[in-house]
């Protein structure tokens, strides 16, 4: 068994049993440290404002996330080993297992092309900062009830309304904007819709960077689980910042508020937002490469 799994490149075309088993075990161990305690808490109906959101908003179950796939273009030596990952798209020939492009549903290629265009477009745009996470405030602005009723608000309704009315709303992400209250939507600088989704996406947005996880798991098992895991861990950090900067008090979950209603809080949020942007750009680049590879290989297989 290898002593240092980090030295294994997921781009290797042919992995020994020891190599791919090390990658598989590492993937399961890293995610197990997060998912196992979470699932245990969930079995006792305990809330988690970060992971609950990620597994409800993004329909990719923890059990699926924990599964390991080498992705396309990687061959696994089996040596008769029965412990291959449970992936129906595997073909095994002469003791070698690989994800076979012939199993890829060709009807998905159009949506893959759209996602690839989205990733490429957002990768070359200048990042926009300065929204300060106001989208979460706009979601409770003069609302009859709040979305996260199990978490108390830090401020009274009128204080929240006063702060929202004192700041510009400049959200560029439609999937956040669509949860704004009816009274908050007209206040946003951009009236967003699905039709201009691609045009408005920009790499500084926390939710756009969180969505890299969505674009990654949509290609399971065709891309490596290392990349899916990297995008997931990035989404976890993005969601933490999202909740910290919100009007909710999630301190009981270890999320100390970033009080964007103060100058110091806005400075802290900006630093966090820029950090998420910097971590997300390499992930976006890897996803572009992965999508291009899947499209190339599956298009060839469909001819």
Protein backbone atom coordinates (compact mmCIF):
# COMPACT_ATOMS: atom_id res chain seq x y z
CA UNK A 1 0.00 0.00 0.00
CA UNK A 2 1.27 3.49 -0.83
CA UNK A 3 2.43 5.66 2.01
CA UNK A 4 1.48 8.94 0.35
CA UNK A 5 -1.74 8.96 -1.63
CA UNK A 6 -1.23 12.63 -2.46
CA UNK A 7 1.52 11.64 -4.89
CA UNK A 8 -0.95 9.71 -7.03
CA UNK A 9 -2.18 11.74 -9.96
CA UNK A 10 -5.82 11.24 -10.88
CA UNK A 11 -4.71 11.76 -14.48
CA UNK A 12 -2.77 8.49 -14.49
CA UNK A 13 -4.07 6.30 -17.28
CA UNK A 14 -3.44 3.03 -15.47
CA UNK A 15 -3.63 2.56 -11.68
CA UNK A 16 -2.57 -0.52 -9.78
CA UNK A 17 -4.90 -2.05 -7.20
CA UNK A 18 -2.83 -0.45 -4.44
CA UNK A 19 -2.99 2.98 -6.07
CA UNK A 20 -6.70 3.15 -6.75
CA UNK A 21 -7.55 1.51 -3.42
CA UNK A 22 -5.53 4.23 -1.66
CA UNK A 23 -7.44 6.93 -3.53
CA UNK A 24 -10.77 5.27 -2.80
CA UNK A 25 -9.99 4.82 0.91
CA UNK A 26 -8.76 8.39 1.26
CA UNK A 27 -11.91 9.74 -0.39
CA UNK A 28 -14.13 7.75 1.95
CA UNK A 29 -12.10 8.70 5.03
CA UNK A 30 -12.05 12.45 4.30
CA UNK A 31 -15.77 12.60 3.63
CA UNK A 32 -16.53 10.19 6.44
CA UNK A 33 -15.08 12.65 8.94
CA UNK A 34 -17.74 15.14 7.83
CA UNK A 35 -20.63 12.95 6.75
CA UNK A 36 -20.68 10.25 9.43
CA UNK A 37 -21.22 12.68 12.35
CA UNK A 38 -23.70 14.63 10.24
CA UNK A 39 -25.77 11.54 9.41
CA UNK A 40 -25.71 10.47 13.04
CA UNK A 41 -27.04 13.89 14.08
CA UNK A 42 -29.62 13.82 11.33
CA UNK A 43 -30.87 10.45 12.57
CA UNK A 44 -31.64 12.24 15.85
CA UNK A 45 -33.40 15.07 13.96
CA UNK A 46 -30.68 17.58 14.83
CA UNK A 47 -30.24 20.53 12.48
CA UNK A 48 -27.12 21.64 10.63
CA UNK A 49 -27.61 24.88 8.66
CA UNK A 50 -24.61 24.17 6.42
CA UNK A 51 -24.91 20.50 5.49
CA UNK A 52 -28.71 20.45 5.62
CA UNK A 53 -28.71 23.16 2.98
CA UNK A 54 -26.15 21.43 0.77
CA UNK A 55 -28.04 18.13 0.75
CA UNK A 56 -31.48 19.69 0.36
CA UNK A 57 -30.67 22.40 -2.17
CA UNK A 58 -28.37 20.10 -4.15
CA UNK A 59 -30.04 16.70 -4.74
CA UNK A 60 -26.93 14.56 -4.35
CA UNK A 61 -27.19 12.23 -1.39
CA UNK A 62 -24.37 11.80 1.15
CA UNK A 63 -24.10 8.11 0.22
CA UNK A 64 -23.52 9.07 -3.43
CA UNK A 65 -21.00 11.74 -2.51
CA UNK A 66 -19.01 9.20 -0.51
CA UNK A 67 -18.73 6.81 -3.46
CA UNK A 68 -15.42 6.93 -5.30
CA UNK A 69 -15.04 7.00 -9.07
CA UNK A 70 -11.80 7.32 -11.04
CA UNK A 71 -13.59 9.21 -13.81
CA UNK A 72 -13.15 8.65 -17.52
CA UNK A 73 -9.75 7.99 -19.01
CA UNK A 74 -8.42 6.14 -15.95
CA UNK A 75 -7.91 2.39 -16.06
CA UNK A 76 -7.96 0.31 -12.89
CA UNK A 77 -6.03 -2.90 -12.62
CA UNK A 78 -8.19 -5.49 -10.89
CA UNK A 79 -6.02 -8.60 -10.47
CA UNK A 80 -9.31 -10.40 -9.92
CA UNK A 81 -10.08 -8.05 -7.01
CA UNK A 82 -13.83 -8.15 -6.23
CA UNK A 83 -13.80 -4.82 -4.35
CA UNK A 84 -14.16 -2.53 -7.35
CA UNK A 85 -16.30 0.58 -6.78
CA UNK A 86 -19.97 -0.16 -7.47
CA UNK A 87 -20.29 1.69 -10.78
CA UNK A 88 -22.59 0.25 -13.42
CA UNK A 89 -20.75 2.12 -16.18
CA UNK A 90 -17.60 0.01 -15.70
CA UNK A 91 -16.38 -2.31 -18.42
CA UNK A 92 -13.83 -4.95 -17.44
CA UNK A 93 -11.49 -6.34 -20.09
CA UNK A 94 -8.37 -8.44 -19.53
CA UNK A 95 -8.21 -7.55 -15.83
CA UNK A 96 -8.66 -3.81 -16.46
CA UNK A 97 -11.75 -1.82 -15.40
CA UNK A 98 -12.65 1.54 -16.89
CA UNK A 99 -15.64 3.86 -17.19
CA UNK A 100 -16.92 3.10 -20.67
CA UNK A 101 -18.04 6.05 -22.77
CA UNK A 102 -20.55 3.88 -24.65
CA UNK A 103 -22.77 3.97 -21.56
CA UNK A 104 -23.03 7.77 -21.54
CA UNK A 105 -26.57 8.99 -22.38
CA UNK A 106 -26.13 11.06 -25.53
CA UNK A 107 -29.22 13.12 -24.72
CA UNK A 108 -27.23 14.78 -21.93
CA UNK A 109 -24.63 16.28 -24.26
CA UNK A 110 -26.66 19.43 -24.92
CA UNK A 111 -26.92 20.26 -21.21
CA UNK A 112 -23.21 19.50 -20.77
CA UNK A 113 -22.37 21.97 -23.53
CA UNK A 114 -24.47 24.64 -21.78
CA UNK A 115 -22.76 24.02 -18.43
CA UNK A 116 -19.33 24.11 -20.10
CA UNK A 117 -20.20 27.44 -21.70
CA UNK A 118 -21.33 28.74 -18.30
CA UNK A 119 -18.08 27.67 -16.65
CA UNK A 120 -15.96 29.18 -19.41
CA UNK A 121 -17.91 32.45 -19.46
CA UNK A 122 -17.68 32.89 -15.69
CA UNK A 123 -13.98 32.00 -15.65
CA UNK A 124 -12.96 34.99 -17.80
CA UNK A 125 -15.20 37.63 -16.25
CA UNK A 126 -13.90 40.07 -13.68
CA UNK A 127 -15.07 39.08 -10.18
CA UNK A 128 -17.51 41.46 -8.56
CA UNK A 129 -17.32 41.95 -4.82
CA UNK A 130 -19.20 44.25 -2.52
CA UNK A 131 -22.57 42.50 -2.28
CA UNK A 132 -21.69 41.65 1.36
CA UNK A 133 -24.05 38.70 1.45
CA UNK A 134 -27.15 40.87 1.37
CA UNK A 135 -29.07 38.16 -0.48
CA UNK A 136 -29.81 36.34 2.79
CA UNK A 137 -31.19 39.57 4.25
CA UNK A 138 -33.34 40.15 1.16
CA UNK A 139 -34.83 36.69 1.71
CA UNK A 140 -36.31 37.76 5.06
CA UNK A 141 -36.97 41.43 4.26
CA UNK A 142 -40.49 42.25 5.46
CA UNK A 143 -41.43 38.58 5.20
CA UNK A 144 -44.34 37.01 7.02
CA UNK A 145 -42.16 34.04 7.96
CA UNK A 146 -38.49 33.15 7.59
CA UNK A 147 -37.00 30.24 5.65
CA UNK A 148 -34.88 28.90 8.51
CA UNK A 149 -37.39 28.98 11.33
CA UNK A 150 -35.28 26.73 13.55
CA UNK A 151 -32.51 29.36 13.74
CA UNK A 152 -33.20 32.64 15.56
CA UNK A 153 -32.65 36.00 13.90
CA UNK A 154 -29.97 38.28 15.33
CA UNK A 155 -32.02 41.43 14.81
CA UNK A 156 -35.66 42.42 15.05
CA UNK A 157 -37.70 42.56 11.84
CA UNK A 158 -37.66 46.36 11.73
CA UNK A 159 -33.90 46.48 12.26
CA UNK A 160 -33.42 44.04 9.38
CA UNK A 161 -35.71 46.09 7.15
CA UNK A 162 -33.94 49.31 8.04
CA UNK A 163 -30.54 47.83 7.21
CA UNK A 164 -31.70 46.35 3.89
CA UNK A 165 -33.17 49.70 2.90
CA UNK A 166 -29.88 51.42 3.76
CA UNK A 167 -27.75 49.26 1.44
CA UNK A 168 -27.77 48.60 -2.32
CA UNK A 169 -28.86 45.12 -3.39
CA UNK A 170 -26.59 44.02 -6.23
CA UNK A 171 -27.13 40.26 -6.41
CA UNK A 172 -26.12 38.70 -9.76
CA UNK A 173 -27.15 35.09 -9.06
CA UNK A 174 -30.68 34.16 -10.11
CA UNK A 175 -30.95 31.11 -7.83
CA UNK A 176 -30.42 33.42 -4.85
CA UNK A 177 -32.55 36.24 -6.26
CA UNK A 178 -35.56 33.98 -6.78
CA UNK A 179 -35.80 33.50 -2.99
CA UNK A 180 -35.95 37.25 -2.32
CA UNK A 181 -39.21 38.38 -0.78
CA UNK A 182 -41.64 40.08 -3.14
CA UNK A 183 -40.86 43.43 -1.56
CA UNK A 184 -37.09 42.93 -1.90
CA UNK A 185 -36.95 41.90 -5.57
CA UNK A 186 -37.67 45.37 -7.03
CA UNK A 187 -34.87 46.77 -4.87
CA UNK A 188 -32.19 44.65 -6.56
CA UNK A 189 -30.10 46.44 -9.18
CA UNK A 190 -30.57 43.51 -11.58
CA UNK A 191 -33.94 41.96 -12.35
CA UNK A 192 -32.69 38.41 -12.83
CA UNK A 193 -34.27 35.53 -14.70
CA UNK A 194 -33.37 32.14 -16.14
CA UNK A 195 -33.05 33.78 -19.56
CA UNK A 196 -30.05 35.86 -18.50
CA UNK A 197 -28.59 33.35 -16.03
CA UNK A 198 -25.46 32.74 -18.11
CA UNK A 199 -24.92 36.44 -18.82
CA UNK A 200 -25.07 37.42 -15.14
CA UNK A 201 -22.93 34.70 -13.57
CA UNK A 202 -19.58 36.05 -12.33
CA UNK A 203 -16.79 34.35 -10.37
CA UNK A 204 -16.83 36.61 -7.31
CA UNK A 205 -20.30 35.44 -6.29
CA UNK A 206 -20.32 33.07 -3.34
CA UNK A 207 -23.34 31.16 -4.66
CA UNK A 208 -21.78 30.82 -8.12
CA UNK A 209 -18.73 29.28 -6.49
CA UNK A 210 -20.91 27.07 -4.30
CA UNK A 211 -22.60 25.84 -7.49
CA UNK A 212 -19.30 24.41 -8.72
CA UNK A 213 -20.26 21.46 -6.53
CA UNK A 214 -23.49 21.06 -8.53
CA UNK A 215 -21.66 21.12 -11.86
CA UNK A 216 -19.21 18.54 -10.49
CA UNK A 217 -21.65 15.96 -9.10
CA UNK A 218 -23.83 16.20 -12.21
CA UNK A 219 -21.01 14.35 -13.99
CA UNK A 220 -20.66 11.52 -11.48
CA UNK A 221 -19.26 8.94 -12.23
CA UNK A 222 -17.80 10.35 -15.44
CA UNK A 223 -15.37 12.69 -13.64
CA UNK A 224 -13.11 11.87 -10.73
CA UNK A 225 -14.51 11.88 -7.22
CA UNK A 226 -11.41 13.81 -6.16
CA UNK A 227 -12.76 16.79 -8.11
CA UNK A 228 -16.29 16.32 -6.78
CA UNK A 229 -14.93 16.17 -3.24
CA UNK A 230 -12.85 19.32 -3.76
CA UNK A 231 -15.92 21.17 -5.04
CA UNK A 232 -18.00 19.91 -2.11
CA UNK A 233 -15.49 21.03 0.52
CA UNK A 234 -15.36 24.43 -1.18
CA UNK A 235 -19.16 24.60 -1.07
CA UNK A 236 -19.09 23.83 2.66
CA UNK A 237 -16.84 26.82 3.31
CA UNK A 238 -18.94 29.04 1.07
CA UNK A 239 -22.13 28.05 2.88
CA UNK A 240 -20.52 28.72 6.25
CA UNK A 241 -19.74 32.27 5.16
CA UNK A 242 -23.25 32.57 3.75
CA UNK A 243 -24.80 31.76 7.13
CA UNK A 244 -22.31 33.79 9.14
CA UNK A 245 -23.12 36.93 7.16
CA UNK A 246 -26.86 36.34 7.30
CA UNK A 247 -29.28 37.95 9.77
CA UNK A 248 -29.56 34.56 11.52
CA UNK A 249 -27.72 33.73 14.73
CA UNK A 250 -26.11 30.36 13.97
CA UNK A 251 -23.52 30.63 16.75
CA UNK A 252 -24.86 27.49 18.44
CA UNK A 253 -23.65 25.62 15.34
CA UNK A 254 -20.15 27.07 15.64
CA UNK A 255 -20.85 29.82 13.09
CA UNK A 256 -20.00 33.11 14.74
CA UNK A 257 -21.82 35.99 13.02
CA UNK A 258 -20.03 38.19 10.53
CA UNK A 259 -21.96 41.36 11.26
CA UNK A 260 -22.15 42.97 7.84
CA UNK A 261 -24.26 45.74 9.35
CA UNK A 262 -20.94 47.06 10.70
CA UNK A 263 -17.90 48.37 8.84
CA UNK A 264 -15.69 45.74 10.47
CA UNK A 265 -18.11 42.97 9.50
CA UNK A 266 -18.18 44.08 5.86
CA UNK A 267 -14.38 44.07 5.78
CA UNK A 268 -14.35 40.52 7.19
CA UNK A 269 -16.97 39.38 4.67
CA UNK A 270 -15.01 40.85 1.77
CA UNK A 271 -11.88 38.98 2.88
CA UNK A 272 -13.83 35.72 3.10
CA UNK A 273 -15.52 36.28 -0.27
CA UNK A 274 -12.19 36.96 -1.97
CA UNK A 275 -10.70 33.86 -0.36
CA UNK A 276 -13.54 31.71 -1.68
CA UNK A 277 -13.06 33.23 -5.15
CA UNK A 278 -9.35 32.41 -5.11
CA UNK A 279 -9.97 28.80 -4.02
CA UNK A 280 -12.75 28.37 -6.56
CA UNK A 281 -10.90 29.45 -9.71
CA UNK A 282 -8.65 26.35 -9.88
CA UNK A 283 -11.72 24.15 -9.29
CA UNK A 284 -13.55 25.91 -12.11
CA UNK A 285 -10.54 25.34 -14.40
CA UNK A 286 -10.45 21.62 -13.53
CA UNK A 287 -14.19 21.34 -14.18
CA UNK A 288 -13.80 22.96 -17.59
CA UNK A 289 -11.11 20.42 -18.46
CA UNK A 290 -13.23 17.56 -17.12
CA UNK A 291 -16.31 18.64 -19.07
CA UNK A 292 -14.27 19.02 -22.24
CA UNK A 293 -12.85 15.53 -21.79
CA UNK A 294 -16.24 13.93 -21.14
CA UNK A 295 -17.80 15.69 -24.14
CA UNK A 296 -14.91 14.70 -26.37
CA UNK A 297 -14.86 11.05 -25.34
CA UNK A 298 -18.62 10.53 -25.27
CA UNK A 299 -19.19 12.35 -28.55
CA UNK A 300 -16.63 10.06 -30.18
CA UNK A 301 -18.31 7.01 -28.60
CA UNK A 302 -21.71 8.09 -29.91
CA UNK A 303 -20.60 8.35 -33.52
